[in-house]
Amino acid sequence: MKKVVVVGSINMDLVTRCKRAPKGGETLFGEEFSQVPGGKGANQAVAIGKLGTNVIMLGKIGKDSFGKDMLVSMEKNGVNIQHIEEGEKATGIAKIIVEESGQNRILVVAGANSEVDKEYIDRHLAAIKESDIVVTQLEIPIETVEYTLKKAKEFGKITILNPAPARELSDEIIKNSDFIIPNESELALITGMAVETEEVIKKAGKKLLDMGVKNLIITLGSKGSLHLNRDKCEFHSAYKVKAIDTTAAGDSFIGGVVRELNGDNISEAIEFGTKVSAIAVTKKGAQTSIPTIEEVKNFRGEKSKS
């Protein structure tokens, strides 16, 4: 079985559900509040674990109840947590507003995630050396992301970057990423191009390919995704589902892609990831919405028209 290491954030999500988000200076009543284990790194690790793949999480939590709850959630979902350390700061949190439409707005406080530094990575290099795939995001210090990708490529690993939350990327990060998986807004920030049409999205994607990315998978929400590399530009349509909460849609997609990725079967991996994310958006929460491998195998959704 393949081995995956996820290097990234571990957050407790503080979720408020409401008809719509308040405008500046406005106060509204919410309809429901909950605490849900999250963080893009932890979400992706849980997605990979729930889908039946061997996965190790690298990251930090605080010395608090949120941190302990996060460890419990990851471990029960198949994630190896033995490399997670306690930092000096509190466990990271994300304040999430979910509107009736399913759209979400997220404010993240990094906390212990900001203490995931190069020295921490060095202490756990053995896990990276023994892996097949290394996955990371941008909710830990960007210099740590750059260092992790560099070390992973030195060890000959497949590297996957989810550039979220959106920020500019160094040439070093780009050239050491075998796969970059952004959404439209993240692609716009990385490339400096307003990706408002399919034509511009493709041009922005080509710009990243010219900078050294081998494969670019752009997630397009309810429209699906677009896969670009030197040989192809392939669109994958989404499934028709009623979205309740899109919080972990991208993380679920990445978990599905990683689970199926094996050599050059990228199209099949994307199709599997599309199924996983389609199921996730029909449930509430982040890690709680991510489906198991059994749910994905039993899914019989209908594809949207391109």
Protein backbone atom coordinates (compact mmCIF):
# COMPACT_ATOMS: atom_id res chain seq x y z
CA MET A 1 0.00 0.00 0.00
CA LYS A 2 1.22 3.51 -0.80
CA LYS A 3 2.32 5.76 2.04
CA VAL A 4 1.29 9.40 2.22
CA VAL A 5 2.59 12.20 4.46
CA VAL A 6 0.48 15.34 4.91
CA VAL A 7 2.36 18.37 6.24
CA GLY A 8 0.03 21.15 7.31
CA SER A 9 -2.48 22.78 9.58
CA ILE A 10 -4.56 21.37 12.40
CA ASN A 11 -7.50 23.58 13.42
CA MET A 12 -10.68 23.38 15.41
CA ASP A 13 -13.49 24.82 13.27
CA LEU A 14 -15.99 27.02 15.11
CA VAL A 15 -18.98 26.92 12.78
CA THR A 16 -22.00 29.22 12.76
CA ARG A 17 -24.89 28.53 10.39
CA CYS A 18 -27.15 31.36 9.28
CA LYS A 19 -29.42 32.43 6.44
CA ARG A 20 -26.77 34.88 5.26
CA ALA A 21 -23.53 36.40 6.55
CA PRO A 22 -23.84 39.85 8.20
CA LYS A 23 -22.64 42.91 6.33
CA GLY A 24 -20.18 45.36 7.87
CA GLY A 25 -21.64 46.84 11.07
CA GLU A 26 -24.64 44.51 10.94
CA THR A 27 -25.72 42.03 13.64
CA LEU A 28 -27.75 38.94 12.76
CA PHE A 29 -28.92 35.88 14.66
CA GLY A 30 -27.31 32.59 13.71
CA GLU A 31 -29.27 29.37 13.59
CA GLU A 32 -26.74 26.81 14.86
CA PHE A 33 -23.23 26.65 16.35
CA SER A 34 -20.85 23.68 16.45
CA GLN A 35 -17.19 22.76 17.00
CA VAL A 36 -15.88 20.56 14.17
CA PRO A 37 -12.33 19.20 13.72
CA GLY A 38 -10.71 20.89 10.71
CA GLY A 39 -7.63 22.57 9.28
CA LYS A 40 -6.73 22.00 5.64
CA GLY A 41 -3.85 19.69 6.49
CA ALA A 42 -5.82 17.62 8.98
CA ASN A 43 -8.85 17.53 6.66
CA GLN A 44 -6.76 16.16 3.80
CA ALA A 45 -5.11 13.61 6.07
CA VAL A 46 -8.52 12.47 7.37
CA ALA A 47 -9.86 12.25 3.81
CA ILE A 48 -6.94 10.05 2.80
CA GLY A 49 -7.31 7.94 5.97
CA LYS A 50 -11.08 7.49 5.63
CA LEU A 51 -10.53 6.36 2.05
CA GLY A 52 -8.31 3.54 3.27
CA THR A 53 -4.79 4.80 2.53
CA ASN A 54 -1.80 4.77 4.90
CA VAL A 55 -1.31 8.41 5.98
CA ILE A 56 0.89 10.24 8.49
CA MET A 57 0.09 13.77 9.69
CA LEU A 58 2.91 16.23 10.40
CA GLY A 59 1.89 19.36 12.30
CA LYS A 60 1.47 20.99 15.70
CA ILE A 61 -1.34 21.50 18.20
CA GLY A 62 -1.59 23.50 21.42
CA LYS A 63 -1.62 22.21 24.99
CA ASP A 64 -5.38 22.58 25.20
CA SER A 65 -8.64 20.67 24.84
CA PHE A 66 -8.98 21.58 21.14
CA GLY A 67 -5.63 19.91 20.47
CA LYS A 68 -6.64 16.73 22.30
CA ASP A 69 -9.95 16.63 20.42
CA MET A 70 -8.11 17.00 17.12
CA LEU A 71 -5.84 14.04 17.89
CA VAL A 72 -8.85 11.88 18.74
CA SER A 73 -10.62 12.82 15.51
CA MET A 74 -7.62 12.12 13.30
CA GLU A 75 -6.68 8.84 14.95
CA LYS A 76 -10.20 7.40 14.79
CA ASN A 77 -10.25 8.23 11.06
CA GLY A 78 -7.13 6.28 10.23
CA VAL A 79 -4.44 8.97 10.52
CA ASN A 80 -1.06 8.19 12.11
CA ILE A 81 -0.63 10.98 14.71
CA GLN A 82 2.62 9.88 16.36
CA HIS A 83 4.65 12.70 14.76
CA ILE A 84 2.35 15.55 15.87
CA GLU A 85 3.95 17.80 18.50
CA GLU A 86 2.57 20.27 21.05
CA GLY A 87 3.60 23.88 20.43
CA GLU A 88 3.73 26.86 22.76
CA LYS A 89 0.74 28.57 21.14
CA ALA A 90 -2.88 27.46 21.30
CA THR A 91 -4.32 25.04 18.76
CA GLY A 92 -5.27 26.83 15.55
CA ILE A 93 -8.91 27.76 15.00
CA ALA A 94 -11.07 28.67 12.04
CA LYS A 95 -14.22 30.73 12.48
CA ILE A 96 -16.59 29.65 9.73
CA ILE A 97 -19.89 31.17 8.67
CA VAL A 98 -22.02 28.86 6.54
CA GLU A 99 -24.90 30.50 4.68
CA GLU A 100 -28.18 28.81 3.82
CA SER A 101 -26.98 28.48 0.22
CA GLY A 102 -24.05 26.33 1.39
CA GLN A 103 -21.49 29.06 0.68
CA ASN A 104 -18.93 29.61 3.44
CA ARG A 105 -16.68 32.40 4.77
CA ILE A 106 -13.64 31.48 6.85
CA LEU A 107 -11.31 33.40 9.19
CA VAL A 108 -8.27 31.43 10.41
CA VAL A 109 -6.11 32.04 13.51
CA ALA A 110 -2.93 30.00 12.98
CA GLY A 111 -1.86 29.40 16.59
CA ALA A 112 0.44 26.38 16.88
CA ASN A 113 0.39 25.96 13.10
CA SER A 114 2.72 28.96 12.90
CA GLU A 115 5.31 26.97 14.88
CA VAL A 116 5.66 24.24 12.24
CA ASP A 117 9.20 25.25 11.23
CA LYS A 118 12.17 23.73 9.37
CA GLU A 119 13.55 22.28 12.60
CA TYR A 120 10.29 20.43 13.15
CA ILE A 121 10.45 19.02 9.61
CA ASP A 122 14.05 17.92 10.19
CA ARG A 123 12.97 15.99 13.30
CA HIS A 124 10.51 14.03 11.18
CA LEU A 125 12.39 13.60 7.90
CA ALA A 126 12.26 9.82 8.30
CA ALA A 127 8.49 9.91 7.75
CA ILE A 128 8.97 11.83 4.50
CA LYS A 129 11.78 9.51 3.36
CA GLU A 130 9.55 6.47 3.86
CA SER A 131 6.54 7.96 2.04
CA ASP A 132 5.47 7.81 -1.60
CA ILE A 133 3.51 11.07 -1.74
CA VAL A 134 3.91 14.32 0.24
CA VAL A 135 0.97 16.73 0.44
CA THR A 136 1.04 20.27 1.82
CA GLN A 137 -0.94 23.54 1.86
CA LEU A 138 -0.37 27.16 2.95
CA GLU A 139 -1.76 27.33 6.51
CA ILE A 140 1.72 26.80 7.96
CA PRO A 141 4.71 29.16 7.39
CA ILE A 142 5.46 29.38 3.67
CA GLU A 143 9.20 28.91 4.23
CA THR A 144 8.36 25.55 5.84
CA VAL A 145 6.26 24.59 2.82
CA GLU A 146 9.15 25.51 0.52
CA TYR A 147 11.61 23.50 2.63
CA THR A 148 9.29 20.48 2.83
CA LEU A 149 8.76 20.34 -0.93
CA LYS A 150 12.50 20.72 -1.56
CA LYS A 151 13.38 17.86 0.82
CA ALA A 152 10.60 15.66 -0.59
CA LYS A 153 11.91 16.10 -4.13
CA GLU A 154 15.46 15.35 -2.96
CA PHE A 155 14.07 12.04 -1.70
CA GLY A 156 12.30 11.42 -5.02
CA LYS A 157 8.73 11.73 -3.72
CA ILE A 158 5.60 12.81 -5.59
CA THR A 159 4.72 16.28 -4.26
CA ILE A 160 1.28 17.86 -4.14
CA LEU A 161 0.58 21.47 -3.16
CA ASN A 162 -2.85 22.88 -2.41
CA PRO A 163 -2.06 26.64 -2.46
CA ALA A 164 -4.68 27.65 0.09
CA PRO A 165 -5.24 30.15 1.49
CA ALA A 166 -4.15 31.99 -1.64
CA ARG A 167 -0.82 33.79 -1.67
CA GLU A 168 2.11 34.33 -4.00
CA LEU A 169 4.41 31.34 -4.51
CA SER A 170 8.18 31.35 -4.91
CA ASP A 171 9.79 29.80 -7.98
CA GLU A 172 11.29 27.19 -5.63
CA ILE A 173 7.84 26.08 -4.44
CA ILE A 174 6.48 25.91 -7.97
CA LYS A 175 9.35 23.92 -9.45
CA ASN A 176 9.28 21.39 -6.59
CA SER A 177 5.53 20.74 -6.89
CA ASP A 178 4.56 17.84 -9.17
CA PHE A 179 0.90 18.76 -8.73
CA ILE A 180 -0.57 22.12 -7.79
CA ILE A 181 -4.30 22.03 -7.04
CA PRO A 182 -5.78 25.56 -6.69
CA ASN A 183 -9.31 26.87 -7.06
CA GLU A 184 -10.05 29.80 -9.39
CA SER A 185 -9.33 32.57 -6.86
CA GLU A 186 -6.07 30.93 -5.80
CA LEU A 187 -5.01 30.56 -9.43
CA ALA A 188 -5.75 34.26 -9.99
CA LEU A 189 -3.56 35.36 -7.09
CA ILE A 190 -0.68 33.02 -7.94
CA THR A 191 -0.55 34.11 -11.58
CA GLY A 192 -1.74 37.72 -11.28
CA MET A 193 -4.40 37.08 -13.92
CA ALA A 194 -8.13 37.73 -13.62
CA VAL A 195 -9.46 34.25 -14.38
CA GLU A 196 -13.00 35.22 -15.33
CA THR A 197 -13.31 33.11 -18.49
CA GLU A 198 -12.28 29.59 -19.48
CA GLU A 199 -9.81 31.04 -21.98
CA VAL A 200 -8.04 33.09 -19.30
CA ILE A 201 -8.07 30.15 -16.87
CA LYS A 202 -6.22 28.09 -19.49
CA LYS A 203 -3.73 30.92 -20.11
CA ALA A 204 -3.10 31.24 -16.37
CA GLY A 205 -2.61 27.50 -16.15
CA LYS A 206 -0.10 27.58 -19.01
CA LYS A 207 1.80 30.30 -17.17
CA LEU A 208 2.27 27.96 -14.20
CA LEU A 209 3.28 25.08 -16.45
CA ASP A 210 5.91 27.34 -18.00
CA MET A 211 7.24 27.99 -14.49
CA GLY A 212 7.87 24.28 -13.92
CA VAL A 213 4.65 22.69 -12.61
CA LYS A 214 4.17 19.23 -14.13
CA ASN A 215 0.42 18.95 -13.50
CA LEU A 216 -2.14 21.61 -12.63
CA ILE A 217 -5.63 20.65 -11.45
CA ILE A 218 -7.91 23.69 -11.13
CA THR A 219 -11.07 23.08 -9.09
CA LEU A 220 -14.06 24.99 -10.43
CA GLY A 221 -16.69 24.38 -7.74
CA SER A 222 -20.00 23.12 -9.10
CA LYS A 223 -18.61 23.24 -12.65
CA GLY A 224 -16.00 20.54 -11.99
CA SER A 225 -12.25 20.77 -12.58
CA LEU A 226 -9.66 21.35 -15.28
CA HIS A 227 -6.46 19.30 -15.61
CA LEU A 228 -3.56 20.77 -17.54
CA ASN A 229 -0.09 19.48 -18.31
CA ARG A 230 2.25 19.65 -21.30
CA ASP A 231 0.25 17.03 -23.18
CA LYS A 232 -3.37 17.77 -22.40
CA CYS A 233 -6.07 20.11 -21.22
CA GLU A 234 -8.93 18.01 -19.91
CA PHE A 235 -12.18 19.11 -18.28
CA HIS A 236 -13.90 16.93 -15.66
CA SER A 237 -17.52 17.81 -14.94
CA ALA A 238 -18.97 17.73 -11.42
CA TYR A 239 -21.84 15.60 -10.12
CA LYS A 240 -25.33 17.00 -9.64
CA VAL A 241 -25.90 17.21 -5.89
CA LYS A 242 -27.64 19.57 -3.46
CA ALA A 243 -24.83 21.35 -1.63
CA ILE A 244 -25.42 21.87 2.10
CA ASP A 245 -21.91 22.88 3.17
CA THR A 246 -18.85 23.32 0.91
CA THR A 247 -16.35 23.63 3.81
CA ALA A 248 -14.20 20.57 3.03
CA ALA A 249 -15.01 20.13 -0.65
CA GLY A 250 -11.50 20.90 -1.88
CA ASP A 251 -9.83 18.86 0.86
CA SER A 252 -12.08 15.88 0.07
CA PHE A 253 -11.25 16.20 -3.63
CA ILE A 254 -7.52 16.16 -2.88
CA GLY A 255 -7.93 13.16 -0.58
CA GLY A 256 -9.68 11.27 -3.37
CA VAL A 257 -7.05 12.19 -5.95
CA VAL A 258 -4.23 11.11 -3.65
CA ARG A 259 -5.96 7.84 -2.80
CA GLU A 260 -6.23 6.82 -6.47
CA LEU A 261 -3.07 8.40 -7.88
CA ASN A 262 -0.79 5.69 -9.22
CA GLY A 263 1.61 6.56 -12.04
CA ASP A 264 -0.10 8.16 -15.03
CA ASN A 265 -3.74 7.44 -14.08
CA ILE A 266 -4.40 11.12 -13.36
CA SER A 267 -7.78 11.25 -15.13
CA GLU A 268 -9.08 8.31 -13.10
CA ALA A 269 -7.76 9.88 -9.89
CA ILE A 270 -9.55 13.15 -10.67
CA GLU A 271 -12.80 11.32 -11.38
CA PHE A 272 -12.54 9.56 -8.02
CA GLY A 273 -11.77 12.85 -6.26
CA THR A 274 -14.82 14.39 -7.93
CA LYS A 275 -17.03 11.68 -6.42
CA VAL A 276 -15.53 12.18 -2.97
CA SER A 277 -16.12 15.95 -3.01
CA ALA A 278 -19.66 15.52 -4.36
CA ILE A 279 -20.55 13.43 -1.31
CA ALA A 280 -18.79 15.79 1.10
CA VAL A 281 -20.80 18.88 0.13
CA THR A 282 -24.07 17.09 0.94
CA LYS A 283 -23.09 16.91 4.64
CA LYS A 284 -22.31 19.42 7.36
CA GLY A 285 -18.85 20.18 8.71
CA ALA A 286 -15.28 19.58 7.63
CA GLN A 287 -13.92 16.18 8.71
CA THR A 288 -17.43 15.02 9.59
CA SER A 289 -18.53 15.47 5.97
CA ILE A 290 -15.71 13.47 4.39
CA PRO A 291 -17.01 10.10 3.11
CA THR A 292 -15.57 6.65 3.72
CA ILE A 293 -14.37 4.43 0.89
CA GLU A 294 -17.60 2.42 1.18
CA GLU A 295 -19.73 5.54 0.66
CA VAL A 296 -17.74 6.46 -2.44
CA LYS A 297 -18.02 2.97 -3.91
CA ASN A 298 -21.80 3.05 -3.37
CA PHE A 299 -22.24 6.55 -4.82
CA ARG A 300 -24.39 6.62 -7.97
CA GLY A 301 -24.49 10.29 -8.89
CA GLU A 302 -25.28 11.89 -12.23
CA LYS A 303 -22.70 14.09 -13.93
CA SER A 304 -23.53 17.70 -14.79
CA LYS A 305 -23.43 18.64 -18.45
CA SER A 306 -20.17 20.30 -19.56
